Amino acid sequence: MTYTKNLLLALPLILAATAFAQTAQAQLVVHGQGDAAICYQQSVSGNKGSQSAIKTCTEALTQFLSEKDEAATFVNRGVLYMRRGDQTKATQDYEAAIEMRPELTEAYINYAASLIMQKKFDESLVMVTKALDDKKSKTRPEALYNRAVILDHKDDYRGAYRDLKEALTLRPDWKPALKLISRYEVRPSG
């Protein structure tokens, strides 16, 4: 079998825009009514990284939080920074979360997404591989999707296609993966 992308006009731009628009969707729940919970709500609501949302997250990090909620707040603020386009601050937040909680799968997924946006594909592959080590994560489809984007950029279309198929096995109606996999074509070898 041969795996290729359908060659449409401006496909690389379309593929990149699709992939990057869908990379960082692994926020972490923080319960309660404080700034950390508001930060979470801002990140999950699709906030584009407004100054006020980031300020709320920053203020939350000055308050007493459990280690779990502090790490989650770093991830959630990182998502907001990433959406704003500040990949340097986003990666710093993911690194802080990972330092606190090295098992935090969502931090690796988002870190990989930020590195993808910076076109640091080898580094992002390391981060997404760590996320995929967690076989039971609810965010495994996101990790597989991000790895598919990386593999696509490395011209490993077979690997990218395989990851998208697995992501769709876990989440069959997931529109970003369905849209991205539709750009591939499988042909018999020979």
Protein backbone atom coordinates (compact mmCIF):
# COMPACT_ATOMS: atom_id res chain seq x y z
CA MET A 1 0.00 0.00 0.00
CA THR A 2 1.13 3.50 -0.78
CA TYR A 3 0.04 6.40 1.39
CA THR A 4 -0.04 9.87 -0.12
CA LYS A 5 -1.72 13.16 0.45
CA ASN A 6 -4.18 14.26 -2.17
CA LEU A 7 -2.34 16.99 -3.99
CA LEU A 8 -4.69 19.93 -3.97
CA LEU A 9 -3.74 23.51 -4.67
CA ALA A 10 -2.24 25.09 -1.52
CA LEU A 11 -2.61 21.88 0.46
CA PRO A 12 0.37 22.54 2.72
CA LEU A 13 -1.18 25.81 3.86
CA ILE A 14 -4.58 24.21 4.36
CA LEU A 15 -3.05 21.27 6.22
CA ALA A 16 -0.98 23.52 8.44
CA ALA A 17 -3.90 25.79 9.25
CA THR A 18 -6.13 22.82 10.04
CA ALA A 19 -3.55 21.12 12.20
CA PHE A 20 -2.51 24.20 14.11
CA ALA A 21 -6.06 25.29 14.76
CA GLN A 22 -6.72 21.99 16.50
CA THR A 23 -3.55 21.21 18.42
CA ALA A 24 -3.95 22.47 21.98
CA GLN A 25 -7.23 21.21 23.26
CA ALA A 26 -6.11 19.40 26.37
CA GLN A 27 -7.08 21.68 29.23
CA LEU A 28 -7.11 20.50 32.84
CA VAL A 29 -10.10 20.82 35.15
CA VAL A 30 -9.75 22.95 38.25
CA HIS A 31 -12.77 22.85 40.55
CA GLY A 32 -14.00 25.62 42.82
CA GLN A 33 -14.70 29.28 42.32
CA GLY A 34 -11.27 30.90 42.51
CA ASP A 35 -9.05 32.36 39.83
CA ALA A 36 -7.67 28.92 38.91
CA ALA A 37 -11.19 27.69 38.11
CA ILE A 38 -11.88 30.85 36.10
CA CYS A 39 -8.59 30.32 34.24
CA TYR A 40 -9.74 26.80 33.36
CA GLN A 41 -13.12 28.12 32.15
CA GLN A 42 -11.35 30.69 29.97
CA SER A 43 -9.13 28.04 28.39
CA VAL A 44 -11.95 25.59 27.75
CA SER A 45 -14.28 28.27 26.37
CA GLY A 46 -11.99 28.93 23.42
CA ASN A 47 -10.69 32.26 24.70
CA LYS A 48 -8.05 33.47 22.23
CA GLY A 49 -5.60 34.45 24.95
CA SER A 50 -7.02 37.76 26.08
CA GLN A 51 -4.95 39.83 28.49
CA SER A 52 -7.65 39.56 31.15
CA ALA A 53 -7.81 35.75 30.90
CA ILE A 54 -4.02 35.44 31.14
CA LYS A 55 -4.00 37.91 34.05
CA THR A 56 -6.57 35.78 35.89
CA CYS A 57 -4.39 32.70 35.42
CA THR A 58 -1.31 34.58 36.57
CA GLU A 59 -3.13 35.81 39.67
CA ALA A 60 -4.26 32.26 40.39
CA LEU A 61 -0.63 31.16 40.40
CA THR A 62 0.11 33.63 43.23
CA GLN A 63 -2.60 32.08 45.40
CA PHE A 64 -2.44 28.93 47.47
CA LEU A 65 -3.18 26.00 45.18
CA SER A 66 -2.64 22.30 45.50
CA GLU A 67 0.25 21.05 43.35
CA LYS A 68 -2.30 19.42 41.06
CA ASP A 69 -4.25 22.66 40.55
CA GLU A 70 -1.08 24.72 40.17
CA ALA A 71 0.22 22.42 37.43
CA ALA A 72 -3.22 22.48 35.77
CA THR A 73 -3.23 26.28 35.88
CA PHE A 74 0.17 26.39 34.19
CA VAL A 75 -1.21 24.14 31.42
CA ASN A 76 -4.37 26.22 31.06
CA ARG A 77 -2.44 29.50 30.94
CA GLY A 78 -0.09 27.88 28.42
CA VAL A 79 -3.08 27.09 26.22
CA LEU A 80 -4.11 30.76 26.36
CA TYR A 81 -0.58 31.92 25.54
CA MET A 82 -0.46 29.45 22.67
CA ARG A 83 -3.73 30.74 21.23
CA ARG A 84 -2.41 34.26 21.55
CA GLY A 85 0.65 33.23 19.55
CA ASP A 86 3.21 33.55 22.35
CA GLN A 87 4.86 30.14 22.02
CA THR A 88 7.81 31.09 24.26
CA LYS A 89 5.57 31.76 27.26
CA ALA A 90 3.40 28.76 26.42
CA THR A 91 6.35 26.37 26.41
CA GLN A 92 7.62 27.88 29.68
CA ASP A 93 4.27 27.14 31.29
CA TYR A 94 4.23 23.56 29.98
CA GLU A 95 7.77 23.04 31.26
CA ALA A 96 6.72 24.35 34.70
CA ALA A 97 3.75 21.98 34.78
CA ILE A 98 5.89 19.00 33.73
CA GLU A 99 8.50 19.85 36.35
CA MET A 100 5.79 19.77 39.02
CA ARG A 101 3.95 16.72 37.69
CA PRO A 102 6.02 14.68 35.18
CA GLU A 103 3.07 12.33 34.58
CA LEU A 104 0.82 15.14 33.32
CA THR A 105 -0.12 13.93 29.85
CA GLU A 106 -1.96 17.11 28.86
CA ALA A 107 1.17 19.18 29.46
CA TYR A 108 3.11 17.02 26.98
CA ILE A 109 0.32 17.19 24.39
CA ASN A 110 0.17 20.97 24.55
CA TYR A 111 3.94 21.31 24.70
CA ALA A 112 4.13 19.25 21.50
CA ALA A 113 1.46 21.44 19.89
CA SER A 114 3.39 24.59 20.73
CA LEU A 115 6.58 23.09 19.32
CA ILE A 116 4.69 22.13 16.14
CA MET A 117 3.65 25.77 15.75
CA GLN A 118 7.32 26.70 16.07
CA LYS A 119 8.18 24.08 13.42
CA LYS A 120 10.36 22.20 15.92
CA PHE A 121 9.16 18.80 14.75
CA ASP A 122 11.89 16.63 16.27
CA GLU A 123 11.39 18.18 19.71
CA SER A 124 7.62 17.98 19.39
CA LEU A 125 7.87 14.29 18.51
CA VAL A 126 9.70 13.67 21.80
CA MET A 127 6.95 15.44 23.77
CA VAL A 128 4.05 13.75 22.00
CA THR A 129 5.72 10.34 22.43
CA LYS A 130 5.78 10.95 26.19
CA ALA A 131 2.08 11.80 26.05
CA LEU A 132 1.37 8.59 24.13
CA ASP A 133 3.10 6.54 26.82
CA ASP A 134 -0.12 7.09 28.81
CA LYS A 135 -2.24 4.46 27.08
CA LYS A 136 -5.35 5.24 29.18
CA SER A 137 -5.46 9.01 28.74
CA LYS A 138 -8.75 10.56 27.65
CA THR A 139 -6.66 12.92 25.54
CA ARG A 140 -4.96 10.14 23.55
CA PRO A 141 -6.79 11.17 20.34
CA GLU A 142 -5.28 14.67 20.62
CA ALA A 143 -1.81 13.17 21.09
CA LEU A 144 -2.30 10.91 18.07
CA TYR A 145 -3.54 13.84 16.01
CA ASN A 146 -0.54 15.95 16.98
CA ARG A 147 1.82 13.11 16.12
CA ALA A 148 0.06 12.71 12.76
CA VAL A 149 0.73 16.40 12.05
CA ILE A 150 4.40 15.92 12.97
CA LEU A 151 4.75 12.78 10.85
CA ASP A 152 3.06 14.51 7.94
CA HIS A 153 5.62 17.31 8.11
CA LYS A 154 8.35 14.66 8.13
CA ASP A 155 6.79 13.08 4.99
CA ASP A 156 5.84 9.90 6.90
CA TYR A 157 2.35 9.76 5.41
CA ARG A 158 1.85 6.11 6.37
CA GLY A 159 2.55 6.89 10.02
CA ALA A 160 0.36 10.01 9.95
CA TYR A 161 -2.51 8.08 8.38
CA ARG A 162 -2.14 5.26 10.93
CA ASP A 163 -2.29 7.73 13.83
CA LEU A 164 -5.36 9.44 12.43
CA LYS A 165 -7.09 6.05 12.00
CA GLU A 166 -6.31 5.18 15.63
CA ALA A 167 -7.55 8.59 16.82
CA LEU A 168 -10.80 7.98 14.92
CA THR A 169 -11.11 4.51 16.44
CA LEU A 170 -11.08 6.19 19.85
CA ARG A 171 -13.27 9.13 18.82
CA PRO A 172 -15.13 8.17 15.61
CA ASP A 173 -16.93 11.46 14.92
CA TRP A 174 -14.04 13.79 15.73
CA LYS A 175 -14.23 16.43 13.00
CA PRO A 176 -10.59 17.64 13.00
CA ALA A 177 -9.29 14.10 12.50
CA LEU A 178 -11.95 13.31 9.90
CA LYS A 179 -11.04 16.47 7.99
CA LEU A 180 -7.32 15.78 8.12
CA ILE A 181 -7.59 12.09 7.16
CA SER A 182 -9.73 13.02 4.17
CA ARG A 183 -6.62 14.61 2.67
CA TYR A 184 -4.91 11.23 2.40
CA GLU A 185 -5.24 8.62 -0.29
CA VAL A 186 -4.32 4.94 0.07
CA ARG A 187 -3.35 3.20 -3.14
CA PRO A 188 -2.30 -0.38 -3.79
CA SER A 189 1.48 -0.77 -4.13
CA GLY A 190 3.04 -1.82 -7.34
